[in-house]
């Protein structure tokens, strides 16, 4: 099962907008993608401009489907992000 941690820094003046967008994105993703087992957005307490997503997929095909679906949100991501995300691939033990 593929899993990732995505660290996303947002623009300081877009923190509230990002919180709303990421919460809706998480809800919509879980509702629309059966192979997405977990898609949870977090905001760091020590740095409110940093958001961390925990994502878990049933298989590589589900991860690929999510990547394809995520493309439709490019404009919304671009509006809030302060740079490229850091994507960390992890494996459950």
PDB file of N, CA and C in Angstrom:
ATOM      1  N   UNK A   1       0.827  -1.183   0.000  1.00  0.00           N
ATOM      2  CA  UNK A   1       0.000   0.000   0.000  1.00  0.00           C
ATOM      3  C   UNK A   1       0.871   1.247   0.000  1.00  0.00           C
ATOM      4  N   UNK A   2       0.802   2.025  -1.055  1.00  0.00           N
ATOM      5  CA  UNK A   2       1.578   3.261  -1.072  1.00  0.00           C
ATOM      6  C   UNK A   2       1.042   4.266  -0.054  1.00  0.00           C
ATOM      7  N   UNK A   3       1.962   4.917   0.625  1.00  0.00           N
ATOM      8  CA  UNK A   3       1.613   5.979   1.573  1.00  0.00           C
ATOM      9  C   UNK A   3       2.592   7.123   1.374  1.00  0.00           C
ATOM     10  N   UNK A   4       2.123   8.331   1.624  1.00  0.00           N
ATOM     11  CA  UNK A   4       3.017   9.473   1.525  1.00  0.00           C
ATOM     12  C   UNK A   4       2.718  10.483   2.622  1.00  0.00           C
ATOM     13  N   UNK A   5       3.726  11.291   2.872  1.00  0.00           N
ATOM     14  CA  UNK A   5       3.593  12.501   3.680  1.00  0.00           C
ATOM     15  C   UNK A   5       3.904  13.642   2.711  1.00  0.00           C
ATOM     16  N   UNK A   6       3.028  14.618   2.632  1.00  0.00           N
ATOM     17  CA  UNK A   6       3.261  15.782   1.778  1.00  0.00           C
ATOM     18  C   UNK A   6       3.331  17.017   2.664  1.00  0.00           C
ATOM     19  N   UNK A   7       4.461  17.691   2.632  1.00  0.00           N
ATOM     20  CA  UNK A   7       4.650  18.932   3.377  1.00  0.00           C
ATOM     21  C   UNK A   7       4.439  20.096   2.419  1.00  0.00           C
ATOM     22  N   UNK A   8       3.509  20.966   2.763  1.00  0.00           N
ATOM     23  CA  UNK A   8       3.149  22.072   1.881  1.00  0.00           C
ATOM     24  C   UNK A   8       3.230  23.385   2.652  1.00  0.00           C
ATOM     25  N   UNK A   9       4.068  24.283   2.162  1.00  0.00           N
ATOM     26  CA  UNK A   9       4.142  25.629   2.754  1.00  0.00           C
ATOM     27  C   UNK A   9       3.216  26.537   1.955  1.00  0.00           C
ATOM     28  N   UNK A  10       2.412  27.318   2.683  1.00  0.00           N
ATOM     29  CA  UNK A  10       1.506  28.252   2.028  1.00  0.00           C
ATOM     30  C   UNK A  10       1.942  29.689   2.307  1.00  0.00           C
ATOM     31  N   UNK A  11       1.454  30.577   1.480  1.00  0.00           N
ATOM     32  CA  UNK A  11       1.748  31.998   1.646  1.00  0.00           C
ATOM     33  C   UNK A  11       1.131  32.488   2.954  1.00  0.00           C
ATOM     34  N   UNK A  12       1.853  33.367   3.655  1.00  0.00           N
ATOM     35  CA  UNK A  12       1.393  33.842   4.963  1.00  0.00           C
ATOM     36  C   UNK A  12       0.006  34.465   4.905  1.00  0.00           C
ATOM     37  N   UNK A  13      -0.299  35.153   3.827  1.00  0.00           N
ATOM     38  CA  UNK A  13      -1.602  35.814   3.716  1.00  0.00           C
ATOM     39  C   UNK A  13      -2.694  34.878   3.185  1.00  0.00           C
ATOM     40  N   UNK A  14      -2.354  33.602   2.984  1.00  0.00           N
ATOM     41  CA  UNK A  14      -3.310  32.631   2.439  1.00  0.00           C
ATOM     42  C   UNK A  14      -3.586  31.470   3.394  1.00  0.00           C
ATOM     43  N   UNK A  15      -3.184  31.593   4.650  1.00  0.00           N
ATOM     44  CA  UNK A  15      -3.329  30.487   5.603  1.00  0.00           C
ATOM     45  C   UNK A  15      -4.797  30.088   5.775  1.00  0.00           C
ATOM     46  N   UNK A  16      -5.677  31.042   5.987  1.00  0.00           N
ATOM     47  CA  UNK A  16      -7.089  30.704   6.182  1.00  0.00           C
ATOM     48  C   UNK A  16      -7.697  30.100   4.917  1.00  0.00           C
ATOM     49  N   UNK A  17      -7.349  30.666   3.780  1.00  0.00           N
ATOM     50  CA  UNK A  17      -7.837  30.134   2.504  1.00  0.00           C
ATOM     51  C   UNK A  17      -7.339  28.701   2.302  1.00  0.00           C
ATOM     52  N   UNK A  18      -6.080  28.456   2.647  1.00  0.00           N
ATOM     53  CA  UNK A  18      -5.510  27.115   2.512  1.00  0.00           C
ATOM     54  C   UNK A  18      -6.222  26.120   3.431  1.00  0.00           C
ATOM     55  N   UNK A  19      -6.493  26.519   4.666  1.00  0.00           N
ATOM     56  CA  UNK A  19      -7.191  25.625   5.607  1.00  0.00           C
ATOM     57  C   UNK A  19      -8.531  25.192   5.028  1.00  0.00           C
ATOM     58  N   UNK A  20      -9.273  26.135   4.499  1.00  0.00           N
ATOM     59  CA  UNK A  20     -10.588  25.826   3.920  1.00  0.00           C
ATOM     60  C   UNK A  20     -10.437  24.918   2.705  1.00  0.00           C
ATOM     61  N   UNK A  21      -9.523  25.265   1.818  1.00  0.00           N
ATOM     62  CA  UNK A  21      -9.294  24.474   0.605  1.00  0.00           C
ATOM     63  C   UNK A  21      -8.832  23.056   0.945  1.00  0.00           C
ATOM     64  N   UNK A  22      -7.860  22.915   1.843  1.00  0.00           N
ATOM     65  CA  UNK A  22      -7.336  21.590   2.169  1.00  0.00           C
ATOM     66  C   UNK A  22      -8.376  20.716   2.871  1.00  0.00           C
ATOM     67  N   UNK A  23      -9.184  21.303   3.731  1.00  0.00           N
ATOM     68  CA  UNK A  23     -10.236  20.528   4.406  1.00  0.00           C
ATOM     69  C   UNK A  23     -11.251  20.000   3.389  1.00  0.00           C
ATOM     70  N   UNK A  24     -11.658  20.849   2.456  1.00  0.00           N
ATOM     71  CA  UNK A  24     -12.616  20.424   1.430  1.00  0.00           C
ATOM     72  C   UNK A  24     -11.979  19.401   0.497  1.00  0.00           C
ATOM     73  N   UNK A  25     -10.722  19.625   0.136  1.00  0.00           N
ATOM     74  CA  UNK A  25     -10.024  18.683  -0.734  1.00  0.00           C
ATOM     75  C   UNK A  25      -9.961  17.299  -0.090  1.00  0.00           C
ATOM     76  N   UNK A  26      -9.664  17.243   1.192  1.00  0.00           N
ATOM     77  CA  UNK A  26      -9.594  15.960   1.896  1.00  0.00           C
ATOM     78  C   UNK A  26     -10.945  15.254   1.884  1.00  0.00           C
ATOM     79  N   UNK A  27     -11.996  15.989   2.194  1.00  0.00           N
ATOM     80  CA  UNK A  27     -13.348  15.411   2.205  1.00  0.00           C
ATOM     81  C   UNK A  27     -13.750  14.920   0.821  1.00  0.00           C
ATOM     82  N   UNK A  28     -13.543  15.768  -0.177  1.00  0.00           N
ATOM     83  CA  UNK A  28     -13.918  15.413  -1.551  1.00  0.00           C
ATOM     84  C   UNK A  28     -13.108  14.227  -2.074  1.00  0.00           C
ATOM     85  N   UNK A  29     -11.824  14.190  -1.747  1.00  0.00           N
ATOM     86  CA  UNK A  29     -10.966  13.098  -2.208  1.00  0.00           C
ATOM     87  C   UNK A  29     -11.435  11.763  -1.649  1.00  0.00           C
ATOM     88  N   UNK A  30     -11.704  11.724  -0.364  1.00  0.00           N
ATOM     89  CA  UNK A  30     -12.158  10.466   0.252  1.00  0.00           C
ATOM     90  C   UNK A  30     -13.510  10.032  -0.307  1.00  0.00           C
ATOM     91  N   UNK A  31     -14.369  10.977  -0.617  1.00  0.00           N
ATOM     92  CA  UNK A  31     -15.689  10.647  -1.154  1.00  0.00           C
ATOM     93  C   UNK A  31     -15.612  10.138  -2.595  1.00  0.00           C
ATOM     94  N   UNK A  32     -14.671  10.650  -3.374  1.00  0.00           N
ATOM     95  CA  UNK A  32     -14.624  10.353  -4.805  1.00  0.00           C
ATOM     96  C   UNK A  32     -13.673   9.224  -5.190  1.00  0.00           C
ATOM     97  N   UNK A  33     -12.712   8.916  -4.330  1.00  0.00           N
ATOM     98  CA  UNK A  33     -11.679   7.941  -4.689  1.00  0.00           C
ATOM     99  C   UNK A  33     -11.725   6.742  -3.749  1.00  0.00           C
ATOM    100  N   UNK A  34     -12.345   5.671  -4.205  1.00  0.00           N
ATOM    101  CA  UNK A  34     -12.496   4.477  -3.361  1.00  0.00           C
ATOM    102  C   UNK A  34     -11.153   3.897  -2.928  1.00  0.00           C
ATOM    103  N   UNK A  35     -10.134   4.045  -3.736  1.00  0.00           N
ATOM    104  CA  UNK A  35      -8.824   3.490  -3.412  1.00  0.00           C
ATOM    105  C   UNK A  35      -7.985   4.353  -2.496  1.00  0.00           C
ATOM    106  N   UNK A  36      -8.486   5.538  -2.174  1.00  0.00           N
ATOM    107  CA  UNK A  36      -7.791   6.398  -1.222  1.00  0.00           C
ATOM    108  C   UNK A  36      -8.292   6.036   0.168  1.00  0.00           C
ATOM    109  N   UNK A  37      -7.445   5.428   0.961  1.00  0.00           N
ATOM    110  CA  UNK A  37      -7.832   4.922   2.274  1.00  0.00           C
ATOM    111  C   UNK A  37      -7.713   5.974   3.370  1.00  0.00           C
ATOM    112  N   UNK A  38      -6.759   6.886   3.205  1.00  0.00           N
ATOM    113  CA  UNK A  38      -6.590   7.986   4.168  1.00  0.00           C
ATOM    114  C   UNK A  38      -6.078   9.192   3.397  1.00  0.00           C
ATOM    115  N   UNK A  39      -6.644  10.350   3.716  1.00  0.00           N
ATOM    116  CA  UNK A  39      -6.218  11.599   3.097  1.00  0.00           C
ATOM    117  C   UNK A  39      -6.531  12.684   4.113  1.00  0.00           C
ATOM    118  N   UNK A  40      -5.556  12.925   4.981  1.00  0.00           N
ATOM    119  CA  UNK A  40      -5.797  13.755   6.161  1.00  0.00           C
ATOM    120  C   UNK A  40      -4.863  14.963   6.133  1.00  0.00           C
ATOM    121  N   UNK A  41      -5.459  16.139   6.197  1.00  0.00           N
ATOM    122  CA  UNK A  41      -4.682  17.384   6.221  1.00  0.00           C
ATOM    123  C   UNK A  41      -4.446  17.808   7.668  1.00  0.00           C
ATOM    124  N   UNK A  42      -3.227  18.250   7.940  1.00  0.00           N
ATOM    125  CA  UNK A  42      -2.850  18.746   9.269  1.00  0.00           C
ATOM    126  C   UNK A  42      -2.175  20.101   9.100  1.00  0.00           C
ATOM    127  N   UNK A  43      -2.292  20.937  10.112  1.00  0.00           N
ATOM    128  CA  UNK A  43      -1.556  22.202  10.149  1.00  0.00           C
ATOM    129  C   UNK A  43      -0.587  22.140  11.316  1.00  0.00           C
ATOM    130  N   UNK A  44       0.668  22.483  11.052  1.00  0.00           N
ATOM    131  CA  UNK A  44       1.657  22.441  12.126  1.00  0.00           C
ATOM    132  C   UNK A  44       1.373  23.532  13.144  1.00  0.00           C
ATOM    133  N   UNK A  45       1.476  23.182  14.415  1.00  0.00           N
ATOM    134  CA  UNK A  45       1.248  24.147  15.497  1.00  0.00           C
ATOM    135  C   UNK A  45       2.395  25.139  15.613  1.00  0.00           C
ATOM    136  N   UNK A  46       3.611  24.694  15.310  1.00  0.00           N
ATOM    137  CA  UNK A  46       4.768  25.564  15.450  1.00  0.00           C
ATOM    138  C   UNK A  46       4.987  26.478  14.244  1.00  0.00           C
ATOM    139  N   UNK A  47       4.276  26.230  13.153  1.00  0.00           N
ATOM    140  CA  UNK A  47       4.404  27.043  11.944  1.00  0.00           C
ATOM    141  C   UNK A  47       3.094  26.960  11.167  1.00  0.00           C
ATOM    142  N   UNK A  48       2.204  27.920  11.363  1.00  0.00           N
ATOM    143  CA  UNK A  48       0.882  27.850  10.740  1.00  0.00           C
ATOM    144  C   UNK A  48       0.893  27.924   9.216  1.00  0.00           C
ATOM    145  N   UNK A  49       2.042  28.246   8.607  1.00  0.00           N
ATOM    146  CA  UNK A  49       2.102  28.248   7.147  1.00  0.00           C
ATOM    147  C   UNK A  49       2.458  26.873   6.585  1.00  0.00           C
ATOM    148  N   UNK A  50       2.711  25.909   7.473  1.00  0.00           N
ATOM    149  CA  UNK A  50       3.063  24.557   7.026  1.00  0.00           C
ATOM    150  C   UNK A  50       1.895  23.606   7.246  1.00  0.00           C
ATOM    151  N   UNK A  51       1.548  22.902   6.177  1.00  0.00           N
ATOM    152  CA  UNK A  51       0.502  21.891   6.230  1.00  0.00           C
ATOM    153  C   UNK A  51       1.124  20.549   5.878  1.00  0.00           C
ATOM    154  N   UNK A  52       0.631  19.518   6.521  1.00  0.00           N
ATOM    155  CA  UNK A  52       1.148  18.168   6.315  1.00  0.00           C
ATOM    156  C   UNK A  52      -0.037  17.264   5.984  1.00  0.00           C
ATOM    157  N   UNK A  53       0.065  16.585   4.860  1.00  0.00           N
ATOM    158  CA  UNK A  53      -0.946  15.601   4.484  1.00  0.00           C
ATOM    159  C   UNK A  53      -0.396  14.213   4.733  1.00  0.00           C
ATOM    160  N   UNK A  54      -1.242  13.352   5.321  1.00  0.00           N
ATOM    161  CA  UNK A  54      -0.942  11.931   5.395  1.00  0.00           C
ATOM    162  C   UNK A  54      -1.887  11.264   4.404  1.00  0.00           C
ATOM    163  N   UNK A  55      -1.318  10.485   3.494  1.00  0.00           N
ATOM    164  CA  UNK A  55      -2.110   9.843   2.448  1.00  0.00           C
ATOM    165  C   UNK A  55      -1.769   8.357   2.386  1.00  0.00           C
ATOM    166  N   UNK A  56      -2.801   7.540   2.207  1.00  0.00           N
ATOM    167  CA  UNK A  56      -2.602   6.093   2.094  1.00  0.00           C
ATOM    168  C   UNK A  56      -3.537   5.566   1.015  1.00  0.00           C
ATOM    169  N   UNK A  57      -2.982   4.731   0.146  1.00  0.00           N
ATOM    170  CA  UNK A  57      -3.725   4.237  -1.005  1.00  0.00           C
ATOM    171  C   UNK A  57      -3.762   2.715  -1.006  1.00  0.00           C
ATOM    172  N   UNK A  58      -4.828   2.145  -1.565  1.00  0.00           N
ATOM    173  CA  UNK A  58      -5.002   0.695  -1.601  1.00  0.00           C
ATOM    174  C   UNK A  58      -3.919   0.025  -2.447  1.00  0.00           C
ATOM    175  N   UNK A  59      -3.491   0.710  -3.505  1.00  0.00           N
ATOM    176  CA  UNK A  59      -2.481   0.141  -4.400  1.00  0.00           C
ATOM    177  C   UNK A  59      -1.923   1.256  -5.284  1.00  0.00           C
ATOM    178  N   UNK A  60      -0.982   0.884  -6.141  1.00  0.00           N
ATOM    179  CA  UNK A  60      -0.353   1.875  -7.011  1.00  0.00           C
ATOM    180  C   UNK A  60      -1.359   2.503  -7.978  1.00  0.00           C
ATOM    181  N   UNK A  61      -2.335   1.734  -8.426  1.00  0.00           N
ATOM    182  CA  UNK A  61      -3.344   2.272  -9.348  1.00  0.00           C
ATOM    183  C   UNK A  61      -4.170   3.356  -8.666  1.00  0.00           C
ATOM    184  N   UNK A  62      -4.513   3.152  -7.400  1.00  0.00           N
ATOM    185  CA  UNK A  62      -5.279   4.166  -6.660  1.00  0.00           C
ATOM    186  C   UNK A  62      -4.451   5.434  -6.476  1.00  0.00           C
ATOM    187  N   UNK A  63      -3.156   5.272  -6.224  1.00  0.00           N
ATOM    188  CA  UNK A  63      -2.264   6.431  -6.105  1.00  0.00           C
ATOM    189  C   UNK A  63      -2.201   7.181  -7.432  1.00  0.00           C
ATOM    190  N   UNK A  64      -2.113   6.454  -8.541  1.00  0.00           N
ATOM    191  CA  UNK A  64      -2.076   7.075  -9.867  1.00  0.00           C
ATOM    192  C   UNK A  64      -3.378   7.821 -10.157  1.00  0.00           C
ATOM    193  N   UNK A  65      -4.502   7.218  -9.788  1.00  0.00           N
ATOM    194  CA  UNK A  65      -5.798   7.868  -9.987  1.00  0.00           C
ATOM    195  C   UNK A  65      -5.856   9.172  -9.207  1.00  0.00           C
ATOM    196  N   UNK A  66      -5.365   9.153  -7.978  1.00  0.00           N
ATOM    197  CA  UNK A  66      -5.358  10.381  -7.181  1.00  0.00           C
ATOM    198  C   UNK A  66      -4.512  11.460  -7.861  1.00  0.00           C
ATOM    199  N   UNK A  67      -3.367  11.082  -8.365  1.00  0.00           N
ATOM    200  CA  UNK A  67      -2.513  12.041  -9.052  1.00  0.00           C
ATOM    201  C   UNK A  67      -3.210  12.675 -10.240  1.00  0.00           C
ATOM    202  N   UNK A  68      -3.931  11.871 -10.996  1.00  0.00           N
ATOM    203  CA  UNK A  68      -4.689  12.388 -12.140  1.00  0.00           C
ATOM    204  C   UNK A  68      -5.787  13.347 -11.674  1.00  0.00           C
ATOM    205  N   UNK A  69      -6.498  12.973 -10.633  1.00  0.00           N
ATOM    206  CA  UNK A  69      -7.588  13.815 -10.119  1.00  0.00           C
ATOM    207  C   UNK A  69      -7.072  15.112  -9.508  1.00  0.00           C
ATOM    208  N   UNK A  70      -5.911  15.063  -8.897  1.00  0.00           N
ATOM    209  CA  UNK A  70      -5.343  16.234  -8.239  1.00  0.00           C
ATOM    210  C   UNK A  70      -5.048  17.350  -9.236  1.00  0.00           C
ATOM    211  N   UNK A  71      -4.788  16.982 -10.472  1.00  0.00           N
ATOM    212  CA  UNK A  71      -4.484  17.965 -11.504  1.00  0.00           C
ATOM    213  C   UNK A  71      -5.564  19.006 -11.701  1.00  0.00           C
ATOM    214  N   UNK A  72      -6.802  18.647 -11.442  1.00  0.00           N
ATOM    215  CA  UNK A  72      -7.898  19.602 -11.625  1.00  0.00           C
ATOM    216  C   UNK A  72      -7.899  20.712 -10.577  1.00  0.00           C
ATOM    217  N   UNK A  73      -7.069  20.582  -9.545  1.00  0.00           N
ATOM    218  CA  UNK A  73      -7.004  21.574  -8.475  1.00  0.00           C
ATOM    219  C   UNK A  73      -5.747  22.447  -8.561  1.00  0.00           C
ATOM    220  N   UNK A  74      -5.065  22.378  -9.692  1.00  0.00           N
ATOM    221  CA  UNK A  74      -3.811  23.107  -9.845  1.00  0.00           C
ATOM    222  C   UNK A  74      -3.926  24.598  -9.586  1.00  0.00           C
ATOM    223  N   UNK A  75      -4.978  25.214 -10.062  1.00  0.00           N
ATOM    224  CA  UNK A  75      -5.152  26.664  -9.879  1.00  0.00           C
ATOM    225  C   UNK A  75      -5.330  27.000  -8.397  1.00  0.00           C
ATOM    226  N   UNK A  76      -6.115  26.199  -7.682  1.00  0.00           N
ATOM    227  CA  UNK A  76      -6.349  26.448  -6.250  1.00  0.00           C
ATOM    228  C   UNK A  76      -5.062  26.235  -5.455  1.00  0.00           C
ATOM    229  N   UNK A  77      -4.291  25.199  -5.805  1.00  0.00           N
ATOM    230  CA  UNK A  77      -3.001  24.986  -5.138  1.00  0.00           C
ATOM    231  C   UNK A  77      -2.070  26.168  -5.395  1.00  0.00           C
ATOM    232  N   UNK A  78      -1.997  26.584  -6.644  1.00  0.00           N
ATOM    233  CA  UNK A  78      -1.120  27.680  -7.012  1.00  0.00           C
ATOM    234  C   UNK A  78      -1.444  28.975  -6.287  1.00  0.00           C
ATOM    235  N   UNK A  79      -2.709  29.172  -5.966  1.00  0.00           N
ATOM    236  CA  UNK A  79      -3.126  30.398  -5.289  1.00  0.00           C
ATOM    237  C   UNK A  79      -2.642  30.469  -3.848  1.00  0.00           C
ATOM    238  N   UNK A  80      -2.423  29.317  -3.214  1.00  0.00           N
ATOM    239  CA  UNK A  80      -2.059  29.322  -1.790  1.00  0.00           C
ATOM    240  C   UNK A  80      -0.629  28.877  -1.506  1.00  0.00           C
ATOM    241  N   UNK A  81      -0.036  28.097  -2.366  1.00  0.00           N
ATOM    242  CA  UNK A  81       1.280  27.528  -2.089  1.00  0.00           C
ATOM    243  C   UNK A  81       2.401  28.560  -2.218  1.00  0.00           C
ATOM    244  N   UNK A  82       3.388  28.431  -1.338  1.00  0.00           N
ATOM    245  CA  UNK A  82       4.548  29.320  -1.349  1.00  0.00           C
ATOM    246  C   UNK A  82       5.757  28.654  -1.992  1.00  0.00           C
ATOM    247  N   UNK A  83       5.571  27.515  -2.606  1.00  0.00           N
ATOM    248  CA  UNK A  83       6.655  26.773  -3.245  1.00  0.00           C
ATOM    249  C   UNK A  83       6.210  25.356  -3.492  1.00  0.00           C
ATOM    250  N   UNK A  84       7.067  24.550  -4.090  1.00  0.00           N
ATOM    251  CA  UNK A  84       6.684  23.168  -4.376  1.00  0.00           C
ATOM    252  C   UNK A  84       6.554  22.345  -3.096  1.00  0.00           C
ATOM    253  N   UNK A  85       5.677  21.361  -3.110  1.00  0.00           N
ATOM    254  CA  UNK A  85       5.539  20.506  -1.924  1.00  0.00           C
ATOM    255  C   UNK A  85       6.734  19.565  -1.790  1.00  0.00           C
ATOM    256  N   UNK A  86       6.967  19.134  -0.561  1.00  0.00           N
ATOM    257  CA  UNK A  86       7.943  18.078  -0.306  1.00  0.00           C
ATOM    258  C   UNK A  86       7.141  16.791  -0.153  1.00  0.00           C
ATOM    259  N   UNK A  87       7.401  15.831  -1.018  1.00  0.00           N
ATOM    260  CA  UNK A  87       6.673  14.558  -1.000  1.00  0.00           C
ATOM    261  C   UNK A  87       7.617  13.475  -0.470  1.00  0.00           C
ATOM    262  N   UNK A  88       7.175  12.794   0.576  1.00  0.00           N
ATOM    263  CA  UNK A  88       7.965  11.740   1.205  1.00  0.00           C
ATOM    264  C   UNK A  88       7.179  10.433   1.084  1.00  0.00           C
ATOM    265  N   UNK A  89       7.763   9.463   0.402  1.00  0.00           N
ATOM    266  CA  UNK A  89       7.122   8.157   0.266  1.00  0.00           C
ATOM    267  C   UNK A  89       7.505   7.312   1.478  1.00  0.00           C
ATOM    268  N   UNK A  90       6.493   6.727   2.114  1.00  0.00           N
ATOM    269  CA  UNK A  90       6.721   5.921   3.302  1.00  0.00           C
ATOM    270  C   UNK A  90       6.073   4.547   3.113  1.00  0.00           C
ATOM    271  N   UNK A  91       6.487   3.610   3.946  1.00  0.00           N
ATOM    272  CA  UNK A  91       5.950   2.267   3.892  1.00  0.00           C
ATOM    273  C   UNK A  91       5.582   1.822   5.300  1.00  0.00           C
ATOM    274  N   UNK A  92       4.370   1.335   5.427  1.00  0.00           N
ATOM    275  CA  UNK A  92       3.914   0.859   6.732  1.00  0.00           C
ATOM    276  C   UNK A  92       4.685  -0.390   7.127  1.00  0.00           C
ATOM    277  N   UNK A  93       5.042  -0.485   8.395  1.00  0.00           N
ATOM    278  CA  UNK A  93       5.769  -1.664   8.892  1.00  0.00           C
ATOM    279  C   UNK A  93       4.921  -2.435   9.890  1.00  0.00           C
TER     280      UNK A  93
END
